[in-house]
């Protein structure tokens, strides 16, 4: 379990570094390398979070994050050309920090 939490936190940290390197979310998403790296990180988060058991998801109130992350993973992987960058920007600004906070709490409680 710890390995999965650490992996997702590492992916979030990598996305944060990419955004910082590009001096913001919009510039990172407008750069093809930044965009591809962020998409890969989000896909990995969705794939990994989907592997957590229901008990863990319920215990740490991650049901919405699990569904959203997996939907985002499928959206990116299966509709790469049609990904709406405004949706991804919202995920990065709003949902990723919430997921990070919940996973850090889960890691500290286990």
Protein backbone atom coordinates (compact mmCIF):
# COMPACT_ATOMS: atom_id res chain seq x y z
CA UNK A 1 0.00 0.00 0.00
CA UNK A 2 2.79 2.42 0.94
CA UNK A 3 4.48 1.87 -2.41
CA UNK A 4 1.35 2.92 -4.29
CA UNK A 5 0.88 6.00 -2.10
CA UNK A 6 4.53 6.96 -2.56
CA UNK A 7 4.31 6.41 -6.31
CA UNK A 8 1.28 8.67 -6.68
CA UNK A 9 2.87 11.32 -4.48
CA UNK A 10 5.99 11.12 -6.65
CA UNK A 11 3.87 11.60 -9.79
CA UNK A 12 2.20 14.63 -8.20
CA UNK A 13 5.59 16.04 -7.23
CA UNK A 14 6.87 15.51 -10.78
CA UNK A 15 3.85 17.35 -12.19
CA UNK A 16 4.46 20.19 -9.72
CA UNK A 17 8.10 20.38 -10.86
CA UNK A 18 7.07 20.50 -14.52
CA UNK A 19 4.62 23.31 -13.79
CA UNK A 20 7.25 25.23 -11.80
CA UNK A 21 9.85 24.74 -14.54
CA UNK A 22 7.41 26.26 -17.04
CA UNK A 23 6.47 29.06 -14.63
CA UNK A 24 2.82 28.04 -14.48
CA UNK A 25 0.17 25.55 -15.48
CA UNK A 26 -0.88 27.26 -18.70
CA UNK A 27 2.67 27.50 -20.04
CA UNK A 28 3.38 23.89 -19.06
CA UNK A 29 0.27 22.69 -20.91
CA UNK A 30 1.09 24.82 -23.95
CA UNK A 31 4.57 23.29 -24.24
CA UNK A 32 4.39 19.93 -26.02
CA UNK A 33 6.95 18.29 -23.74
CA UNK A 34 5.35 19.70 -20.61
CA UNK A 35 1.93 18.63 -21.80
CA UNK A 36 3.04 15.10 -22.61
CA UNK A 37 4.80 14.74 -19.26
CA UNK A 38 1.77 16.02 -17.33
CA UNK A 39 -0.55 13.72 -19.27
CA UNK A 40 1.69 10.74 -18.49
CA UNK A 41 1.77 11.64 -14.80
CA UNK A 42 -2.02 11.98 -14.65
CA UNK A 43 -2.46 8.68 -16.48
CA UNK A 44 -0.13 6.94 -14.01
CA UNK A 45 -2.01 8.46 -11.06
CA UNK A 46 -5.34 7.24 -12.45
CA UNK A 47 -4.04 3.76 -13.13
CA UNK A 48 -2.44 3.39 -9.70
CA UNK A 49 -5.27 4.91 -7.66
CA UNK A 50 -7.65 2.48 -9.33
CA UNK A 51 -5.69 -0.41 -7.77
CA UNK A 52 -6.44 0.60 -4.17
CA UNK A 53 -8.97 -1.57 -2.38
CA UNK A 54 -12.40 -0.28 -1.42
CA UNK A 55 -11.59 -0.25 2.30
CA UNK A 56 -8.70 2.17 1.82
CA UNK A 57 -10.72 4.34 -0.58
CA UNK A 58 -13.61 4.60 1.88
CA UNK A 59 -11.41 5.07 4.95
CA UNK A 60 -9.69 8.10 3.44
CA UNK A 61 -12.67 9.49 1.51
CA UNK A 62 -11.05 8.93 -1.90
CA UNK A 63 -14.04 7.64 -3.87
CA UNK A 64 -14.44 10.82 -5.93
CA UNK A 65 -10.69 11.07 -6.52
CA UNK A 66 -10.45 7.41 -7.58
CA UNK A 67 -13.28 7.75 -10.09
CA UNK A 68 -12.09 11.11 -11.37
CA UNK A 69 -8.48 9.99 -11.71
CA UNK A 70 -9.43 6.86 -13.60
CA UNK A 71 -11.81 8.78 -15.85
CA UNK A 72 -9.02 11.28 -16.53
CA UNK A 73 -6.61 8.43 -17.29
CA UNK A 74 -9.02 6.97 -19.83
CA UNK A 75 -9.75 10.39 -21.30
CA UNK A 76 -6.06 11.08 -21.85
CA UNK A 77 -5.10 7.62 -23.07
CA UNK A 78 -8.04 7.03 -25.41
CA UNK A 79 -8.76 10.56 -26.67
CA UNK A 80 -5.30 12.10 -26.64
CA UNK A 81 -5.99 14.40 -29.60
CA UNK A 82 -9.26 15.66 -28.15
CA UNK A 83 -8.15 16.41 -24.59
CA UNK A 84 -9.54 19.76 -23.43
CA UNK A 85 -6.67 21.59 -21.77
CA UNK A 86 -9.09 23.67 -19.68
CA UNK A 87 -10.30 20.45 -18.03
CA UNK A 88 -6.72 19.38 -17.35
CA UNK A 89 -5.91 22.83 -15.98
CA UNK A 90 -8.86 22.55 -13.56
CA UNK A 91 -7.67 19.11 -12.47
CA UNK A 92 -4.19 20.48 -11.80
CA UNK A 93 -5.42 23.56 -9.93
CA UNK A 94 -8.27 22.06 -7.92
CA UNK A 95 -8.26 18.28 -7.74
CA UNK A 96 -4.57 17.35 -7.64
CA UNK A 97 -3.87 19.36 -4.45
CA UNK A 98 -6.86 17.71 -2.74
CA UNK A 99 -5.63 14.25 -3.74
CA UNK A 100 -2.14 15.07 -2.50
CA UNK A 101 -3.48 16.26 0.86
CA UNK A 102 -5.61 13.14 1.34
CA UNK A 103 -2.77 10.79 0.41
CA UNK A 104 -0.35 12.52 2.76
CA UNK A 105 -2.92 12.14 5.54
CA UNK A 106 -3.39 8.46 4.67
CA UNK A 107 0.36 7.88 4.65
CA UNK A 108 0.77 9.53 8.05
CA UNK A 109 -2.07 7.52 9.58
CA UNK A 110 -0.84 4.12 8.36
